[in-house]
Amino acid sequence: MKPPLFITESDVLGKMRWRDVVESMRQGHQLARAVTRDVVIGEPDRSFLNRVAWIESLGGGMKSVTVFTENANKCLPAVQGAFLLFDDETGSLKAVIDSGLITKWKTAADSALGAQLLARKNSSKAVVIGAGALASALADAYAHMMPQLAKIVIWARKAEQAQKLADSIEDQRVVAAKRALEDCVRSADIIITATSSPTAVINGDWISPGAHVDLVGAFRSDMRESDDELMRKAKIFVDSRDTTIDHIGDLTLPIANGAIQRTDVLGDFYDLINGAEGRSSEKDITVFKNGGGAHLDLMTATMIYDAARK
């Protein structure tokens, strides 16, 4: 039996492309539906997150990470951990992969795929709210996967952080915000939230008809980046019903408040990729909740493993 590979970012440097990861997700959702389980313990700023998935003919995996938001003040990553990849036929451990590598490629590809399926094809301006590593990956993925975008604006509470992130991305379309958040959101075709905020950072009243909203940051039932008004007025989609509706505050809180019902979630990737209708009008406001389930980690890990072996 081969010993497992230990894979970090340096092992796949120059071997990964956004379009390949997005395509692997499309193909993965045409396989048998994944079986997933999540366990989250701790507080909003100090959490221990474990996610497992099994997909018949693809294999199994478990991501185990800590999320310590205060680590930013210590020059340490907020999220640290590893992903274990298991073989479908023998159950043997194939690889131990750095969780940051998985999260970067999985999360941003997840959102890019959601935008391809739901955003208007003539969308020309996007705004990314946040300036951390996640925001960087999202801006890069959108720049590569949506070439029709003429501008990608980075907004952060600290303007210097937005400027630093924009400068780090080698694409002239990516710029730092020069206006208030509300103004940036009102003028955007695509709004991407990549924060760790426990409360709404965007209001439904700011969203223009036809816009697509990509909610990425919240991962606990007491965290949200959208308000009730946005969820009331939007057509809501998720990457996975199983890992979002009862688990993430962007959905659990408006459902609890009576602003929406569970049936207002119109579909997930399994539905959309296999023929279900998404956007039906150029004036529809679409909301996509990126929950980043373990099955998406598994699809991404399989591709990272193949890239590392080359």
C-alpha atoms as a PDB file:
ATOM      1  CA  MET A   1       0.000   0.000   0.000  1.00  0.00           C
ATOM      2  CA  LYS A   2       1.344   3.417  -0.952  1.00  0.00           C
ATOM      3  CA  PRO A   3       1.999   5.838   1.913  1.00  0.00           C
ATOM      4  CA  PRO A   4      -0.281   8.909   1.927  1.00  0.00           C
ATOM      5  CA  LEU A   5       0.881  12.106   0.302  1.00  0.00           C
ATOM      6  CA  PHE A   6       1.282  15.219   2.460  1.00  0.00           C
ATOM      7  CA  ILE A   7       0.267  18.097   0.207  1.00  0.00           C
ATOM      8  CA  THR A   8       0.787  21.832   0.697  1.00  0.00           C
ATOM      9  CA  GLU A   9       0.427  24.759  -1.697  1.00  0.00           C
ATOM     10  CA  SER A  10       3.996  24.422  -2.979  1.00  0.00           C
ATOM     11  CA  ASP A  11       3.212  20.909  -4.230  1.00  0.00           C
ATOM     12  CA  VAL A  12       0.596  22.164  -6.718  1.00  0.00           C
ATOM     13  CA  LEU A  13       2.028  25.593  -7.538  1.00  0.00           C
ATOM     14  CA  GLY A  14       1.356  26.315 -11.197  1.00  0.00           C
ATOM     15  CA  LYS A  15      -0.637  23.091 -11.638  1.00  0.00           C
ATOM     16  CA  MET A  16      -4.124  24.348 -10.693  1.00  0.00           C
ATOM     17  CA  ARG A  17      -6.580  26.447 -12.712  1.00  0.00           C
ATOM     18  CA  TRP A  18      -9.932  27.863 -11.620  1.00  0.00           C
ATOM     19  CA  ARG A  19     -11.783  26.541 -14.633  1.00  0.00           C
ATOM     20  CA  ASP A  20     -10.601  23.011 -13.918  1.00  0.00           C
ATOM     21  CA  VAL A  21     -11.812  23.144 -10.313  1.00  0.00           C
ATOM     22  CA  VAL A  22     -15.171  24.577 -11.387  1.00  0.00           C
ATOM     23  CA  GLU A  23     -15.514  21.835 -13.997  1.00  0.00           C
ATOM     24  CA  SER A  24     -14.683  19.163 -11.406  1.00  0.00           C
ATOM     25  CA  MET A  25     -17.585  20.478  -9.312  1.00  0.00           C
ATOM     26  CA  ARG A  26     -19.940  20.311 -12.284  1.00  0.00           C
ATOM     27  CA  GLN A  27     -18.939  16.717 -12.912  1.00  0.00           C
ATOM     28  CA  GLY A  28     -19.056  15.809  -9.226  1.00  0.00           C
ATOM     29  CA  HIS A  29     -22.693  16.869  -9.030  1.00  0.00           C
ATOM     30  CA  GLN A  30     -23.565  14.427 -11.783  1.00  0.00           C
ATOM     31  CA  LEU A  31     -22.410  11.519  -9.590  1.00  0.00           C
ATOM     32  CA  ALA A  32     -24.401   9.938  -6.771  1.00  0.00           C
ATOM     33  CA  ARG A  33     -25.540  12.478  -4.170  1.00  0.00           C
ATOM     34  CA  ALA A  34     -22.987  12.941  -1.416  1.00  0.00           C
ATOM     35  CA  VAL A  35     -23.547  11.830   2.170  1.00  0.00           C
ATOM     36  CA  THR A  36     -22.320  14.587   4.500  1.00  0.00           C
ATOM     37  CA  ARG A  37     -22.117  15.381   8.214  1.00  0.00           C
ATOM     38  CA  ASP A  38     -20.937  18.545  10.018  1.00  0.00           C
ATOM     39  CA  VAL A  39     -19.932  19.149  13.625  1.00  0.00           C
ATOM     40  CA  VAL A  40     -19.196  22.691  14.855  1.00  0.00           C
ATOM     41  CA  ILE A  41     -18.369  23.500  18.471  1.00  0.00           C
ATOM     42  CA  GLY A  42     -17.078  26.600  20.212  1.00  0.00           C
ATOM     43  CA  GLU A  43     -17.852  30.307  20.007  1.00  0.00           C
ATOM     44  CA  PRO A  44     -18.181  32.603  16.953  1.00  0.00           C
ATOM     45  CA  ASP A  45     -14.580  33.783  17.294  1.00  0.00           C
ATOM     46  CA  ARG A  46     -13.070  30.454  18.461  1.00  0.00           C
ATOM     47  CA  SER A  47     -14.598  27.462  16.650  1.00  0.00           C
ATOM     48  CA  PHE A  48     -13.666  23.835  15.946  1.00  0.00           C
ATOM     49  CA  LEU A  49     -15.204  22.642  12.672  1.00  0.00           C
ATOM     50  CA  ASN A  50     -15.318  19.065  11.365  1.00  0.00           C
ATOM     51  CA  ARG A  51     -16.893  18.154   8.026  1.00  0.00           C
ATOM     52  CA  VAL A  52     -17.072  14.698   6.442  1.00  0.00           C
ATOM     53  CA  ALA A  53     -18.366  13.474   3.086  1.00  0.00           C
ATOM     54  CA  TRP A  54     -18.623  10.282   1.050  1.00  0.00           C
ATOM     55  CA  ILE A  55     -19.366  10.132  -2.680  1.00  0.00           C
ATOM     56  CA  GLU A  56     -19.764   6.712  -4.264  1.00  0.00           C
ATOM     57  CA  SER A  57     -17.043   6.126  -6.913  1.00  0.00           C
ATOM     58  CA  LEU A  58     -15.096   9.188  -5.733  1.00  0.00           C
ATOM     59  CA  GLY A  59     -14.223   8.324  -2.150  1.00  0.00           C
ATOM     60  CA  GLY A  60     -14.400   9.957   1.242  1.00  0.00           C
ATOM     61  CA  GLY A  61     -12.872  12.837   3.122  1.00  0.00           C
ATOM     62  CA  MET A  62     -12.835  14.747   6.367  1.00  0.00           C
ATOM     63  CA  LYS A  63     -11.819  18.347   6.957  1.00  0.00           C
ATOM     64  CA  SER A  64     -10.898  19.246  10.521  1.00  0.00           C
ATOM     65  CA  VAL A  65     -10.056  22.889  11.238  1.00  0.00           C
ATOM     66  CA  THR A  66     -10.015  25.540  13.919  1.00  0.00           C
ATOM     67  CA  VAL A  67     -11.377  29.042  13.209  1.00  0.00           C
ATOM     68  CA  PHE A  68      -9.821  31.659  15.498  1.00  0.00           C
ATOM     69  CA  THR A  69     -10.721  35.108  14.173  1.00  0.00           C
ATOM     70  CA  GLU A  70      -8.415  36.914  16.618  1.00  0.00           C
ATOM     71  CA  ASN A  71      -5.398  35.273  14.971  1.00  0.00           C
ATOM     72  CA  ALA A  72      -5.284  38.197  12.544  1.00  0.00           C
ATOM     73  CA  ASN A  73      -3.862  40.246  15.422  1.00  0.00           C
ATOM     74  CA  LYS A  74      -1.118  37.647  15.895  1.00  0.00           C
ATOM     75  CA  CYS A  75      -0.093  37.430  12.222  1.00  0.00           C
ATOM     76  CA  LEU A  76      -1.491  33.886  12.095  1.00  0.00           C
ATOM     77  CA  PRO A  77      -4.112  32.343   9.777  1.00  0.00           C
ATOM     78  CA  ALA A  78      -7.663  32.486  11.115  1.00  0.00           C
ATOM     79  CA  VAL A  79      -8.338  28.969   9.795  1.00  0.00           C
ATOM     80  CA  GLN A  80      -5.899  26.104  10.369  1.00  0.00           C
ATOM     81  CA  GLY A  81      -6.196  22.354   9.896  1.00  0.00           C
ATOM     82  CA  ALA A  82      -6.071  19.514   7.383  1.00  0.00           C
ATOM     83  CA  PHE A  83      -8.169  17.425   5.009  1.00  0.00           C
ATOM     84  CA  LEU A  84      -7.926  13.625   4.970  1.00  0.00           C
ATOM     85  CA  LEU A  85      -8.641  11.994   1.583  1.00  0.00           C
ATOM     86  CA  PHE A  86      -9.669   8.300   1.528  1.00  0.00           C
ATOM     87  CA  ASP A  87      -9.765   5.847  -1.375  1.00  0.00           C
ATOM     88  CA  ASP A  88     -13.161   4.702  -2.647  1.00  0.00           C
ATOM     89  CA  GLU A  89     -12.242   1.035  -3.188  1.00  0.00           C
ATOM     90  CA  THR A  90      -9.989   0.233  -0.221  1.00  0.00           C
ATOM     91  CA  GLY A  91     -10.723   2.940   2.321  1.00  0.00           C
ATOM     92  CA  SER A  92      -6.991   3.643   2.610  1.00  0.00           C
ATOM     93  CA  LEU A  93      -5.713   7.126   3.390  1.00  0.00           C
ATOM     94  CA  LYS A  94      -4.501   8.672   0.119  1.00  0.00           C
ATOM     95  CA  ALA A  95      -3.480  12.153   1.264  1.00  0.00           C
ATOM     96  CA  VAL A  96      -3.304  14.707   4.045  1.00  0.00           C
ATOM     97  CA  ILE A  97      -3.883  18.118   2.476  1.00  0.00           C
ATOM     98  CA  ASP A  98      -3.378  21.533   4.069  1.00  0.00           C
ATOM     99  CA  SER A  99      -6.840  22.917   4.820  1.00  0.00           C
ATOM    100  CA  GLY A 100      -5.944  26.391   3.576  1.00  0.00           C
ATOM    101  CA  LEU A 101      -5.190  24.978   0.134  1.00  0.00           C
ATOM    102  CA  ILE A 102      -8.540  23.165   0.044  1.00  0.00           C
ATOM    103  CA  THR A 103     -10.484  26.172   1.323  1.00  0.00           C
ATOM    104  CA  LYS A 104      -8.956  28.591  -1.164  1.00  0.00           C
ATOM    105  CA  TRP A 105      -9.767  26.555  -4.264  1.00  0.00           C
ATOM    106  CA  LYS A 106     -13.035  25.014  -3.062  1.00  0.00           C
ATOM    107  CA  THR A 107     -14.665  28.163  -1.716  1.00  0.00           C
ATOM    108  CA  ALA A 108     -13.895  30.494  -4.602  1.00  0.00           C
ATOM    109  CA  ALA A 109     -14.704  27.876  -7.264  1.00  0.00           C
ATOM    110  CA  ASP A 110     -18.000  27.189  -5.462  1.00  0.00           C
ATOM    111  CA  SER A 111     -18.957  30.871  -5.748  1.00  0.00           C
ATOM    112  CA  ALA A 112     -17.732  31.213  -9.336  1.00  0.00           C
ATOM    113  CA  LEU A 113     -19.862  28.231 -10.356  1.00  0.00           C
ATOM    114  CA  GLY A 114     -22.860  29.731  -8.566  1.00  0.00           C
ATOM    115  CA  ALA A 115     -22.388  33.005 -10.446  1.00  0.00           C
ATOM    116  CA  GLN A 116     -22.063  31.218 -13.776  1.00  0.00           C
ATOM    117  CA  LEU A 117     -25.391  29.487 -13.125  1.00  0.00           C
ATOM    118  CA  LEU A 118     -27.301  32.447 -11.669  1.00  0.00           C
ATOM    119  CA  ALA A 119     -25.815  35.869 -12.495  1.00  0.00           C
ATOM    120  CA  ARG A 120     -26.870  37.809 -15.584  1.00  0.00           C
ATOM    121  CA  LYS A 121     -24.591  37.032 -18.524  1.00  0.00           C
ATOM    122  CA  ASN A 122     -24.029  40.744 -19.157  1.00  0.00           C
ATOM    123  CA  SER A 123     -22.913  41.488 -15.583  1.00  0.00           C
ATOM    124  CA  SER A 124     -20.085  44.020 -15.817  1.00  0.00           C
ATOM    125  CA  LYS A 125     -19.303  45.139 -12.255  1.00  0.00           C
ATOM    126  CA  ALA A 126     -18.694  43.118  -9.088  1.00  0.00           C
ATOM    127  CA  VAL A 127     -17.889  44.216  -5.561  1.00  0.00           C
ATOM    128  CA  VAL A 128     -16.069  41.998  -3.064  1.00  0.00           C
ATOM    129  CA  ILE A 129     -16.712  42.914   0.574  1.00  0.00           C
ATOM    130  CA  GLY A 130     -13.725  41.887   2.686  1.00  0.00           C
ATOM    131  CA  ALA A 131      -9.956  41.948   2.269  1.00  0.00           C
ATOM    132  CA  GLY A 132      -8.694  38.680   3.746  1.00  0.00           C
ATOM    133  CA  ALA A 133      -7.336  35.558   2.055  1.00  0.00           C
ATOM    134  CA  LEU A 134     -10.852  34.435   1.143  1.00  0.00           C
ATOM    135  CA  ALA A 135     -11.636  37.751  -0.551  1.00  0.00           C
ATOM    136  CA  SER A 136      -8.391  37.479  -2.501  1.00  0.00           C
ATOM    137  CA  ALA A 137      -9.257  34.013  -3.831  1.00  0.00           C
ATOM    138  CA  LEU A 138     -12.784  35.124  -4.727  1.00  0.00           C
ATOM    139  CA  ALA A 139     -11.589  38.173  -6.654  1.00  0.00           C
ATOM    140  CA  ASP A 140      -9.069  36.036  -8.534  1.00  0.00           C
ATOM    141  CA  ALA A 141     -11.609  33.323  -9.350  1.00  0.00           C
ATOM    142  CA  TYR A 142     -14.235  35.798 -10.573  1.00  0.00           C
ATOM    143  CA  ALA A 143     -11.631  37.574 -12.706  1.00  0.00           C
ATOM    144  CA  HIS A 144     -10.726  34.287 -14.419  1.00  0.00           C
ATOM    145  CA  MET A 145     -14.173  32.704 -14.663  1.00  0.00           C
ATOM    146  CA  MET A 146     -16.209  35.796 -15.655  1.00  0.00           C
ATOM    147  CA  PRO A 147     -14.195  37.625 -18.319  1.00  0.00           C
ATOM    148  CA  GLN A 148     -17.209  39.841 -19.100  1.00  0.00           C
ATOM    149  CA  LEU A 149     -16.626  41.734 -15.839  1.00  0.00           C
ATOM    150  CA  ALA A 150     -15.144  45.159 -16.572  1.00  0.00           C
ATOM    151  CA  LYS A 151     -14.442  45.994 -12.922  1.00  0.00           C
ATOM    152  CA  ILE A 152     -14.061  44.119  -9.632  1.00  0.00           C
ATOM    153  CA  VAL A 153     -14.107  46.496  -6.659  1.00  0.00           C
ATOM    154  CA  ILE A 154     -12.627  45.516  -3.287  1.00  0.00           C
ATOM    155  CA  TRP A 155     -14.315  47.129  -0.276  1.00  0.00           C
ATOM    156  CA  ALA A 156     -13.050  46.771   3.310  1.00  0.00           C
ATOM    157  CA  ARG A 157     -13.636  48.633   6.555  1.00  0.00           C
ATOM    158  CA  LYS A 158      -9.997  49.724   6.397  1.00  0.00           C
ATOM    159  CA  ALA A 159      -9.316  51.325   3.020  1.00  0.00           C
ATOM    160  CA  GLU A 160      -5.621  50.476   3.170  1.00  0.00           C
ATOM    161  CA  GLN A 161      -6.447  46.759   3.379  1.00  0.00           C
ATOM    162  CA  ALA A 162      -8.638  46.979   0.286  1.00  0.00           C
ATOM    163  CA  GLN A 163      -5.863  48.785  -1.570  1.00  0.00           C
ATOM    164  CA  LYS A 164      -3.270  46.221  -0.518  1.00  0.00           C
ATOM    165  CA  LEU A 165      -5.445  43.363  -1.742  1.00  0.00           C
ATOM    166  CA  ALA A 166      -6.245  45.059  -5.055  1.00  0.00           C
ATOM    167  CA  ASP A 167      -2.530  45.722  -5.627  1.00  0.00           C
ATOM    168  CA  SER A 168      -1.704  42.052  -4.989  1.00  0.00           C
ATOM    169  CA  ILE A 169      -3.943  40.771  -7.799  1.00  0.00           C
ATOM    170  CA  GLU A 170      -2.389  41.026 -11.244  1.00  0.00           C
ATOM    171  CA  ASP A 171      -5.508  42.135 -13.069  1.00  0.00           C
ATOM    172  CA  GLN A 172      -6.176  45.776 -13.908  1.00  0.00           C
ATOM    173  CA  ARG A 173      -9.914  45.257 -13.483  1.00  0.00           C
ATOM    174  CA  VAL A 174      -9.444  44.714  -9.730  1.00  0.00           C
ATOM    175  CA  VAL A 175      -9.441  48.043  -7.873  1.00  0.00           C
ATOM    176  CA  ALA A 176      -9.925  49.306  -4.333  1.00  0.00           C
ATOM    177  CA  ALA A 177     -13.215  51.016  -3.476  1.00  0.00           C
ATOM    178  CA  LYS A 178     -13.285  54.801  -3.416  1.00  0.00           C
ATOM    179  CA  ARG A 179     -16.872  55.124  -2.220  1.00  0.00           C
ATOM    180  CA  ALA A 180     -19.039  54.078   0.723  1.00  0.00           C
ATOM    181  CA  LEU A 181     -20.209  50.466   0.901  1.00  0.00           C
ATOM    182  CA  GLU A 182     -23.838  51.308   0.107  1.00  0.00           C
ATOM    183  CA  ASP A 183     -22.828  53.172  -3.054  1.00  0.00           C
ATOM    184  CA  CYS A 184     -20.624  50.275  -4.183  1.00  0.00           C
ATOM    185  CA  VAL A 185     -23.401  47.743  -3.635  1.00  0.00           C
ATOM    186  CA  ARG A 186     -26.100  49.813  -5.352  1.00  0.00           C
ATOM    187  CA  SER A 187     -24.033  50.106  -8.546  1.00  0.00           C
ATOM    188  CA  ALA A 188     -22.884  46.456  -8.677  1.00  0.00           C
ATOM    189  CA  ASP A 189     -24.258  43.609 -10.777  1.00  0.00           C
ATOM    190  CA  ILE A 190     -22.644  41.020  -8.488  1.00  0.00           C
ATOM    191  CA  ILE A 191     -22.126  41.474  -4.735  1.00  0.00           C
ATOM    192  CA  ILE A 192     -19.765  39.053  -2.967  1.00  0.00           C
ATOM    193  CA  THR A 193     -19.517  39.018   0.837  1.00  0.00           C
ATOM    194  CA  ALA A 194     -16.411  37.478   2.406  1.00  0.00           C
ATOM    195  CA  THR A 195     -16.519  38.585   6.035  1.00  0.00           C
ATOM    196  CA  SER A 196     -16.673  36.997   9.469  1.00  0.00           C
ATOM    197  CA  SER A 197     -19.462  39.328  10.583  1.00  0.00           C
ATOM    198  CA  PRO A 198     -22.159  37.858  12.860  1.00  0.00           C
ATOM    199  CA  THR A 199     -24.640  40.497  11.634  1.00  0.00           C
ATOM    200  CA  ALA A 200     -25.793  41.696   8.220  1.00  0.00           C
ATOM    201  CA  VAL A 201     -23.273  43.728   6.225  1.00  0.00           C
ATOM    202  CA  ILE A 202     -25.592  44.436   3.274  1.00  0.00           C
ATOM    203  CA  ASN A 203     -29.210  45.562   3.232  1.00  0.00           C
ATOM    204  CA  GLY A 204     -31.874  44.392   0.839  1.00  0.00           C
ATOM    205  CA  ASP A 205     -32.809  47.996   0.047  1.00  0.00           C
ATOM    206  CA  TRP A 206     -29.351  48.495  -1.504  1.00  0.00           C
ATOM    207  CA  ILE A 207     -29.671  45.707  -4.062  1.00  0.00           C
ATOM    208  CA  SER A 208     -30.611  46.720  -7.611  1.00  0.00           C
ATOM    209  CA  PRO A 209     -33.004  44.658  -9.761  1.00  0.00           C
ATOM    210  CA  GLY A 210     -31.123  41.955 -11.653  1.00  0.00           C
ATOM    211  CA  ALA A 211     -28.226  41.756  -9.198  1.00  0.00           C
ATOM    212  CA  HIS A 212     -26.674  38.518  -8.001  1.00  0.00           C
ATOM    213  CA  VAL A 213     -25.601  38.251  -4.343  1.00  0.00           C
ATOM    214  CA  ASP A 214     -22.972  35.703  -3.337  1.00  0.00           C
ATOM    215  CA  LEU A 215     -22.976  35.133   0.445  1.00  0.00           C
ATOM    216  CA  VAL A 216     -19.754  33.405   1.452  1.00  0.00           C
ATOM    217  CA  GLY A 217     -18.502  34.319   4.909  1.00  0.00           C
ATOM    218  CA  ALA A 218     -21.072  33.048   7.428  1.00  0.00           C
ATOM    219  CA  PHE A 219     -20.678  29.380   8.399  1.00  0.00           C
ATOM    220  CA  ARG A 220     -22.523  29.104  11.734  1.00  0.00           C
ATOM    221  CA  SER A 221     -26.216  29.275  12.613  1.00  0.00           C
ATOM    222  CA  ASP A 222     -25.651  32.543  14.513  1.00  0.00           C
ATOM    223  CA  MET A 223     -23.749  34.291  11.707  1.00  0.00           C
ATOM    224  CA  ARG A 224     -25.196  36.174   8.735  1.00  0.00           C
ATOM    225  CA  GLU A 225     -24.152  38.707   6.097  1.00  0.00           C
ATOM    226  CA  SER A 226     -27.620  39.502   4.679  1.00  0.00           C
ATOM    227  CA  ASP A 227     -30.714  41.055   6.249  1.00  0.00           C
ATOM    228  CA  ASP A 228     -34.285  39.734   6.175  1.00  0.00           C
ATOM    229  CA  GLU A 229     -35.337  42.204   3.473  1.00  0.00           C
ATOM    230  CA  LEU A 230     -32.795  40.858   0.991  1.00  0.00           C
ATOM    231  CA  MET A 231     -33.892  37.279   1.588  1.00  0.00           C
ATOM    232  CA  ARG A 232     -37.566  38.252   1.229  1.00  0.00           C
ATOM    233  CA  LYS A 233     -37.103  39.894  -2.168  1.00  0.00           C
ATOM    234  CA  ALA A 234     -34.628  37.430  -3.716  1.00  0.00           C
ATOM    235  CA  LYS A 235     -34.765  34.071  -5.449  1.00  0.00           C
ATOM    236  CA  ILE A 236     -32.657  31.953  -3.084  1.00  0.00           C
ATOM    237  CA  PHE A 237     -30.278  29.160  -4.088  1.00  0.00           C
ATOM    238  CA  VAL A 238     -27.583  27.258  -2.194  1.00  0.00           C
ATOM    239  CA  ASP A 239     -24.674  25.008  -3.041  1.00  0.00           C
ATOM    240  CA  SER A 240     -26.185  22.218  -0.911  1.00  0.00           C
ATOM    241  CA  ARG A 241     -29.517  22.062   0.889  1.00  0.00           C
ATOM    242  CA  ASP A 242     -28.095  19.544   3.367  1.00  0.00           C
ATOM    243  CA  THR A 243     -25.303  21.810   4.624  1.00  0.00           C
ATOM    244  CA  THR A 244     -26.971  25.240   4.614  1.00  0.00           C
ATOM    245  CA  ILE A 245     -30.694  25.479   5.378  1.00  0.00           C
ATOM    246  CA  ASP A 246     -30.509  24.227   8.974  1.00  0.00           C
ATOM    247  CA  HIS A 247     -26.916  25.262   9.653  1.00  0.00           C
ATOM    248  CA  ILE A 248     -26.121  28.835   8.536  1.00  0.00           C
ATOM    249  CA  GLY A 249     -27.609  32.049   9.881  1.00  0.00           C
ATOM    250  CA  ASP A 250     -28.232  33.619   6.469  1.00  0.00           C
ATOM    251  CA  LEU A 251     -31.023  31.027   6.235  1.00  0.00           C
ATOM    252  CA  THR A 252     -31.802  29.877   9.771  1.00  0.00           C
ATOM    253  CA  LEU A 253     -32.364  33.395  11.108  1.00  0.00           C
ATOM    254  CA  PRO A 254     -34.811  34.706   8.454  1.00  0.00           C
ATOM    255  CA  ILE A 255     -36.646  31.374   8.625  1.00  0.00           C
ATOM    256  CA  ALA A 256     -36.916  31.727  12.408  1.00  0.00           C
ATOM    257  CA  ASN A 257     -38.076  35.348  11.991  1.00  0.00           C
ATOM    258  CA  GLY A 258     -40.766  34.321   9.525  1.00  0.00           C
ATOM    259  CA  ALA A 259     -39.239  36.422   6.734  1.00  0.00           C
ATOM    260  CA  ILE A 260     -38.893  33.327   4.531  1.00  0.00           C
ATOM    261  CA  GLN A 261     -39.804  29.645   4.621  1.00  0.00           C
ATOM    262  CA  ARG A 262     -37.672  26.601   3.936  1.00  0.00           C
ATOM    263  CA  THR A 263     -39.479  26.185   0.606  1.00  0.00           C
ATOM    264  CA  ASP A 264     -38.157  29.579  -0.511  1.00  0.00           C
ATOM    265  CA  VAL A 265     -34.798  27.896  -1.115  1.00  0.00           C
ATOM    266  CA  LEU A 266     -35.442  27.047  -4.762  1.00  0.00           C
ATOM    267  CA  GLY A 267     -32.531  24.767  -5.544  1.00  0.00           C
ATOM    268  CA  ASP A 268     -28.935  23.690  -5.026  1.00  0.00           C
ATOM    269  CA  PHE A 269     -26.116  22.580  -7.323  1.00  0.00           C
ATOM    270  CA  TYR A 270     -27.602  19.106  -7.720  1.00  0.00           C
ATOM    271  CA  ASP A 271     -30.756  20.761  -9.058  1.00  0.00           C
ATOM    272  CA  LEU A 272     -29.200  23.532 -11.155  1.00  0.00           C
ATOM    273  CA  ILE A 273     -26.475  21.440 -12.782  1.00  0.00           C
ATOM    274  CA  ASN A 274     -28.976  18.755 -13.704  1.00  0.00           C
ATOM    275  CA  GLY A 275     -31.460  21.022 -15.449  1.00  0.00           C
ATOM    276  CA  ALA A 276     -33.501  22.960 -12.865  1.00  0.00           C
ATOM    277  CA  GLU A 277     -34.347  26.594 -13.603  1.00  0.00           C
ATOM    278  CA  GLY A 278     -32.306  29.309 -11.911  1.00  0.00           C
ATOM    279  CA  ARG A 279     -32.753  32.943 -12.917  1.00  0.00           C
ATOM    280  CA  SER A 280     -35.941  33.383 -14.958  1.00  0.00           C
ATOM    281  CA  SER A 281     -35.793  37.146 -15.556  1.00  0.00           C
ATOM    282  CA  GLU A 282     -33.162  39.828 -16.080  1.00  0.00           C
ATOM    283  CA  LYS A 283     -34.806  41.685 -13.175  1.00  0.00           C
ATOM    284  CA  ASP A 284     -34.613  38.807 -10.703  1.00  0.00           C
ATOM    285  CA  ILE A 285     -32.422  39.336  -7.651  1.00  0.00           C
ATOM    286  CA  THR A 286     -30.662  36.044  -7.023  1.00  0.00           C
ATOM    287  CA  VAL A 287     -29.012  35.072  -3.740  1.00  0.00           C
ATOM    288  CA  PHE A 288     -26.544  32.214  -3.594  1.00  0.00           C
ATOM    289  CA  LYS A 289     -25.446  30.899  -0.209  1.00  0.00           C
ATOM    290  CA  ASN A 290     -21.990  29.360  -0.424  1.00  0.00           C
ATOM    291  CA  GLY A 291     -21.985  26.864   2.444  1.00  0.00           C
ATOM    292  CA  GLY A 292     -18.894  25.008   1.261  1.00  0.00           C
ATOM    293  CA  GLY A 293     -19.939  21.508   2.303  1.00  0.00           C
ATOM    294  CA  ALA A 294     -17.497  18.647   2.761  1.00  0.00           C
ATOM    295  CA  HIS A 295     -18.553  17.080  -0.549  1.00  0.00           C
ATOM    296  CA  LEU A 296     -17.138  20.166  -2.307  1.00  0.00           C
ATOM    297  CA  ASP A 297     -13.958  19.792  -0.251  1.00  0.00           C
ATOM    298  CA  LEU A 298     -13.813  16.184  -1.438  1.00  0.00           C
ATOM    299  CA  MET A 299     -14.257  17.105  -5.111  1.00  0.00           C
ATOM    300  CA  THR A 300     -11.536  19.735  -4.775  1.00  0.00           C
ATOM    301  CA  ALA A 301      -9.213  17.464  -2.780  1.00  0.00           C
ATOM    302  CA  THR A 302      -9.426  14.783  -5.462  1.00  0.00           C
ATOM    303  CA  MET A 303      -8.277  17.296  -8.049  1.00  0.00           C
ATOM    304  CA  ILE A 304      -5.489  18.614  -5.808  1.00  0.00           C
ATOM    305  CA  TYR A 305      -4.314  15.035  -5.243  1.00  0.00           C
ATOM    306  CA  ASP A 306      -4.178  14.398  -8.986  1.00  0.00           C
ATOM    307  CA  ALA A 307      -2.299  17.663  -9.556  1.00  0.00           C
ATOM    308  CA  ALA A 308       0.242  16.865  -6.830  1.00  0.00           C
ATOM    309  CA  ARG A 309       0.926  13.425  -8.333  1.00  0.00           C
ATOM    310  CA  LYS A 310       1.781  14.847 -11.763  1.00  0.00           C
END
